[in-house]
Amino acid sequence: MTLIPIEKRRRGIYILPNLFTTAALFAGFYAIVQAMNDRFEYAAVAIFVAMVLDGLDGRVARLTHTQSAFGAEYDSLSDMVSFGAAPALVMYEWALKDMGKLGWIAAFIYCAGAALRLARFNTNIDVVDKRYFQGLPSPAAAALVAGMVWVVIDNGLTGDDVSWLACFLTIFAGISMVSNVLFWSGKDINLRKSVPFIVLIALVLAFALVSSYPPGVLFALFLGYAASGYVVLVWRWINRRRRRTEDVPPPGQDG
């Protein structure tokens, strides 16, 4: 039996993680097709499905030791479709189309923000703190946009009814992706470490809460996550001002 050198094996294409990436890419493409057919609720759900699959491919690759440069590049291209182009086009077709130039500009800001966010992430992956994301992650931004579409449709409203709010949310998501605001990554959670029994109960309650009303709960969760980075930013700014104030000696005293 001929042994294949390690270098050549690493250059190969691994089926399992790339299968999840392909499925995520398909979900993003499916969302675009459904938006073109005015089936926006299906499009929104497909983006959430893509988000779940995108979260699995990297973990599967690490667990099975099948990481590769090809997989990393393929994942980025898939993310651009599923979390960049798809949400922008879904939101444009649903609520922004009748707003004229402002509508397509808002959609483009989101799409460009996703592309820049992915490019910056790929170049800074080895120099940033693993505990935080620099800028809103593109899957979270996509879930924010898709969540709004889903919850509004579920309440019997149309995109025209909330066009200005949709425009603001789209621009907010796009700008947040390229901002320097830090968002918790969750990568410091060790899934192999034992946890108290109460954590398992909390997970069960979380699943029950999401299943009780998926559109509203998911949208609220990602809206809260998007706001969390700015809340922490303001909190740190207040603390810095407070420390500077405490360091200043009272009048009439030497430093």
Protein backbone atom coordinates (compact mmCIF):
# COMPACT_ATOMS: atom_id res chain seq x y z
CA MET A 1 0.00 0.00 0.00
CA THR A 2 1.39 3.41 -1.02
CA LEU A 3 1.40 6.03 1.70
CA ILE A 4 0.32 9.53 0.71
CA PRO A 5 2.58 12.27 2.08
CA ILE A 6 1.02 14.43 4.80
CA GLU A 7 1.49 17.58 2.71
CA LYS A 8 -0.51 16.13 -0.18
CA ARG A 9 -3.25 14.86 2.10
CA ARG A 10 -3.72 18.32 3.58
CA ARG A 11 -4.22 19.75 0.11
CA GLY A 12 -7.15 17.43 -0.53
CA ILE A 13 -10.81 18.30 -0.22
CA TYR A 14 -12.59 16.80 2.76
CA ILE A 15 -16.17 15.75 2.12
CA LEU A 16 -17.80 16.04 5.54
CA PRO A 17 -17.18 19.71 6.51
CA ASN A 18 -17.58 20.90 2.92
CA LEU A 19 -20.88 19.06 2.75
CA PHE A 20 -22.22 21.31 5.51
CA THR A 21 -20.76 24.36 3.76
CA THR A 22 -22.47 23.35 0.51
CA ALA A 23 -25.75 22.89 2.35
CA ALA A 24 -25.39 26.38 3.85
CA LEU A 25 -24.67 27.77 0.38
CA PHE A 26 -27.75 26.02 -0.98
CA ALA A 27 -29.89 27.51 1.81
CA GLY A 28 -28.65 31.00 0.95
CA PHE A 29 -29.31 30.47 -2.75
CA TYR A 30 -32.74 29.04 -1.91
CA ALA A 31 -33.51 32.22 0.08
CA ILE A 32 -32.72 34.35 -2.98
CA VAL A 33 -34.93 32.22 -5.23
CA GLN A 34 -37.83 32.34 -2.77
CA ALA A 35 -37.52 36.12 -2.47
CA MET A 36 -37.74 36.41 -6.27
CA ASN A 37 -40.97 34.38 -6.04
CA ASP A 38 -42.37 36.64 -3.27
CA ARG A 39 -42.22 33.84 -0.71
CA PHE A 40 -40.38 35.91 1.87
CA GLU A 41 -41.20 33.80 4.91
CA TYR A 42 -39.52 30.79 3.29
CA ALA A 43 -36.57 33.01 2.39
CA ALA A 44 -36.18 34.21 5.98
CA VAL A 45 -36.31 30.67 7.38
CA ALA A 46 -33.74 29.52 4.80
CA ILE A 47 -31.29 32.16 6.05
CA PHE A 48 -31.66 30.85 9.59
CA VAL A 49 -31.07 27.32 8.30
CA ALA A 50 -27.91 28.54 6.57
CA MET A 51 -26.77 30.07 9.85
CA VAL A 52 -27.14 26.75 11.69
CA LEU A 53 -25.30 24.85 8.95
CA ASP A 54 -22.53 27.45 8.89
CA GLY A 55 -22.04 26.99 12.61
CA LEU A 56 -21.69 23.24 12.15
CA ASP A 57 -19.15 23.06 9.32
CA GLY A 58 -16.28 24.58 11.28
CA ARG A 59 -16.98 22.54 14.39
CA VAL A 60 -17.21 19.34 12.35
CA ALA A 61 -13.89 20.15 10.68
CA ARG A 62 -12.20 20.72 14.05
CA LEU A 63 -13.68 17.63 15.65
CA THR A 64 -12.69 15.40 12.73
CA HIS A 65 -9.34 17.17 12.14
CA THR A 66 -10.30 17.93 8.53
CA GLN A 67 -9.48 21.65 8.41
CA SER A 68 -8.03 22.83 5.13
CA ALA A 69 -7.26 26.07 3.30
CA PHE A 70 -9.82 25.10 0.67
CA GLY A 71 -12.49 24.66 3.33
CA ALA A 72 -11.75 28.07 4.84
CA GLU A 73 -11.98 29.83 1.46
CA TYR A 74 -15.11 27.91 0.48
CA ASP A 75 -16.73 28.81 3.79
CA SER A 76 -16.06 32.51 3.22
CA LEU A 77 -17.59 32.39 -0.27
CA SER A 78 -20.60 30.53 1.08
CA ASP A 79 -20.99 33.13 3.86
CA MET A 80 -20.94 35.93 1.31
CA VAL A 81 -23.89 34.37 -0.51
CA SER A 82 -25.88 33.26 2.53
CA PHE A 83 -25.22 36.20 4.86
CA GLY A 84 -24.30 38.96 2.41
CA ALA A 85 -26.16 38.78 -0.89
CA ALA A 86 -29.19 36.77 0.27
CA PRO A 87 -30.31 39.00 3.18
CA ALA A 88 -29.71 42.16 1.14
CA LEU A 89 -31.77 40.87 -1.79
CA VAL A 90 -34.53 39.48 0.44
CA MET A 91 -34.87 42.78 2.29
CA TYR A 92 -34.75 44.76 -0.94
CA GLU A 93 -37.46 42.68 -2.61
CA TRP A 94 -39.59 42.68 0.53
CA ALA A 95 -39.48 46.27 1.78
CA LEU A 96 -36.93 48.48 0.03
CA LYS A 97 -37.83 48.15 -3.63
CA ASP A 98 -40.42 50.95 -3.61
CA MET A 99 -38.12 53.39 -1.77
CA GLY A 100 -36.17 54.21 -4.94
CA LYS A 101 -32.47 54.97 -4.66
CA LEU A 102 -32.50 54.90 -0.88
CA GLY A 103 -33.77 51.33 -0.97
CA TRP A 104 -31.08 49.85 -3.16
CA ILE A 105 -28.39 51.97 -1.48
CA ALA A 106 -29.42 50.54 1.91
CA ALA A 107 -29.30 47.01 0.49
CA PHE A 108 -25.88 47.69 -1.03
CA ILE A 109 -24.53 49.08 2.25
CA TYR A 110 -25.49 45.81 3.89
CA CYS A 111 -24.02 43.68 1.09
CA ALA A 112 -20.75 45.65 1.01
CA GLY A 113 -20.57 45.57 4.81
CA ALA A 114 -20.80 41.78 4.76
CA ALA A 115 -18.03 41.51 2.14
CA LEU A 116 -15.74 43.86 4.05
CA ARG A 117 -16.52 42.10 7.33
CA LEU A 118 -15.55 38.71 5.89
CA ALA A 119 -12.38 40.07 4.30
CA ARG A 120 -11.29 41.74 7.54
CA PHE A 121 -12.07 38.61 9.55
CA ASN A 122 -9.92 36.46 7.25
CA THR A 123 -6.95 38.83 7.45
CA ASN A 124 -7.17 39.51 11.20
CA ILE A 125 -8.00 35.98 12.35
CA ASP A 126 -4.60 35.50 14.02
CA VAL A 127 -4.24 38.95 15.63
CA VAL A 128 -7.57 39.63 17.36
CA ASP A 129 -8.82 38.49 20.76
CA LYS A 130 -10.63 35.18 20.24
CA ARG A 131 -13.19 36.09 22.90
CA TYR A 132 -14.65 38.88 20.79
CA PHE A 133 -15.64 39.60 17.21
CA GLN A 134 -14.52 42.90 15.72
CA GLY A 135 -17.78 44.12 14.25
CA LEU A 136 -21.12 42.33 14.15
CA PRO A 137 -20.66 38.79 12.71
CA SER A 138 -22.28 38.40 9.30
CA PRO A 139 -24.48 35.44 10.40
CA ALA A 140 -25.88 37.53 13.26
CA ALA A 141 -26.48 40.47 10.91
CA ALA A 142 -28.26 38.15 8.47
CA ALA A 143 -30.37 36.71 11.30
CA LEU A 144 -31.29 40.25 12.35
CA VAL A 145 -32.53 41.10 8.86
CA ALA A 146 -34.24 37.75 8.28
CA GLY A 147 -35.75 37.83 11.76
CA MET A 148 -37.43 41.13 11.06
CA VAL A 149 -38.88 39.85 7.78
CA TRP A 150 -40.16 36.71 9.49
CA VAL A 151 -41.73 38.37 12.54
CA VAL A 152 -43.41 41.15 10.53
CA ILE A 153 -44.94 38.68 8.06
CA ASP A 154 -46.06 36.47 10.95
CA ASN A 155 -47.98 39.44 12.38
CA GLY A 156 -49.86 40.01 9.14
CA LEU A 157 -47.96 43.09 7.95
CA THR A 158 -46.14 43.73 4.68
CA GLY A 159 -42.78 45.21 3.88
CA ASP A 160 -44.39 48.46 2.75
CA ASP A 161 -45.84 48.90 6.25
CA VAL A 162 -42.40 48.97 7.85
CA SER A 163 -40.22 50.15 4.95
CA TRP A 164 -38.49 52.93 6.88
CA LEU A 165 -37.79 50.70 9.86
CA ALA A 166 -36.51 48.01 7.48
CA CYS A 167 -34.24 50.56 5.79
CA PHE A 168 -32.80 51.69 9.13
CA LEU A 169 -32.25 48.12 10.33
CA THR A 170 -30.53 47.15 7.07
CA ILE A 171 -28.14 50.11 7.23
CA PHE A 172 -27.54 49.53 10.94
CA ALA A 173 -26.62 45.88 10.33
CA GLY A 174 -24.33 46.80 7.44
CA ILE A 175 -22.47 49.49 9.37
CA SER A 176 -22.23 47.34 12.50
CA MET A 177 -20.43 44.63 10.53
CA VAL A 178 -17.58 46.99 9.58
CA SER A 179 -17.46 48.85 12.90
CA ASN A 180 -14.80 48.35 15.56
CA VAL A 181 -17.43 47.52 18.17
CA LEU A 182 -16.63 44.28 20.00
CA PHE A 183 -19.20 41.50 20.22
CA TRP A 184 -18.85 38.43 22.41
CA SER A 185 -17.83 35.44 20.31
CA GLY A 186 -18.64 32.62 22.73
CA LYS A 187 -15.41 30.86 21.71
CA ASP A 188 -14.22 30.78 25.31
CA ILE A 189 -16.98 28.29 26.15
CA ASN A 190 -15.51 24.82 26.59
CA LEU A 191 -18.13 22.28 25.50
CA ARG A 192 -16.00 19.41 26.84
CA LYS A 193 -15.98 20.81 30.36
CA SER A 194 -18.51 19.61 32.93
CA VAL A 195 -21.18 22.14 33.93
CA PRO A 196 -23.70 22.33 36.78
CA PHE A 197 -27.06 20.64 36.28
CA ILE A 198 -28.78 24.04 36.25
CA VAL A 199 -27.09 24.81 32.92
CA LEU A 200 -28.84 21.84 31.31
CA ILE A 201 -32.17 23.05 32.69
CA ALA A 202 -31.48 26.52 31.28
CA LEU A 203 -30.79 25.02 27.84
CA VAL A 204 -34.06 23.09 27.93
CA LEU A 205 -35.95 26.26 28.88
CA ALA A 206 -34.19 28.15 26.09
CA PHE A 207 -35.28 25.58 23.52
CA ALA A 208 -38.83 25.70 24.90
CA LEU A 209 -38.83 29.51 24.68
CA VAL A 210 -37.64 29.53 21.07
CA SER A 211 -40.14 26.86 20.05
CA SER A 212 -43.01 28.78 21.64
CA TYR A 213 -42.72 31.59 19.08
CA PRO A 214 -39.65 31.21 16.82
CA PRO A 215 -40.00 34.43 14.76
CA GLY A 216 -40.35 36.77 17.72
CA VAL A 217 -37.90 35.05 20.05
CA LEU A 218 -35.15 34.69 17.44
CA PHE A 219 -35.54 38.28 16.30
CA ALA A 220 -35.44 39.52 19.90
CA LEU A 221 -32.35 37.43 20.65
CA PHE A 222 -30.36 38.74 17.70
CA LEU A 223 -31.60 42.28 18.22
CA GLY A 224 -30.36 42.05 21.80
CA TYR A 225 -27.03 40.62 20.62
CA ALA A 226 -26.61 43.45 18.08
CA ALA A 227 -27.35 46.01 20.80
CA SER A 228 -25.05 44.33 23.34
CA GLY A 229 -21.87 45.48 21.62
CA TYR A 230 -22.96 49.12 21.76
CA VAL A 231 -24.14 48.79 25.37
CA VAL A 232 -20.74 47.43 26.41
CA LEU A 233 -19.03 50.17 24.37
CA VAL A 234 -20.97 52.90 26.20
CA TRP A 235 -20.39 51.20 29.57
CA ARG A 236 -16.62 51.08 28.98
CA TRP A 237 -16.60 54.72 27.85
CA ILE A 238 -18.40 55.76 31.05
CA ASN A 239 -15.94 53.78 33.17
CA ARG A 240 -12.97 55.38 31.40
CA ARG A 241 -14.37 58.87 32.04
CA ARG A 242 -15.02 57.98 35.67
CA ARG A 243 -11.46 56.73 36.16
CA ARG A 244 -10.02 59.86 34.54
CA THR A 245 -12.18 62.01 36.81
CA GLU A 246 -11.00 60.12 39.90
CA ASP A 247 -7.36 60.53 38.85
CA VAL A 248 -7.65 64.33 38.65
CA PRO A 249 -6.59 65.88 42.01
CA PRO A 250 -9.03 68.31 43.68
CA PRO A 251 -8.34 72.05 43.20
CA GLY A 252 -5.68 73.42 45.48
CA GLN A 253 -3.80 70.11 45.79
CA ASP A 254 -0.58 69.11 44.08
CA GLY A 255 -0.61 66.19 41.66
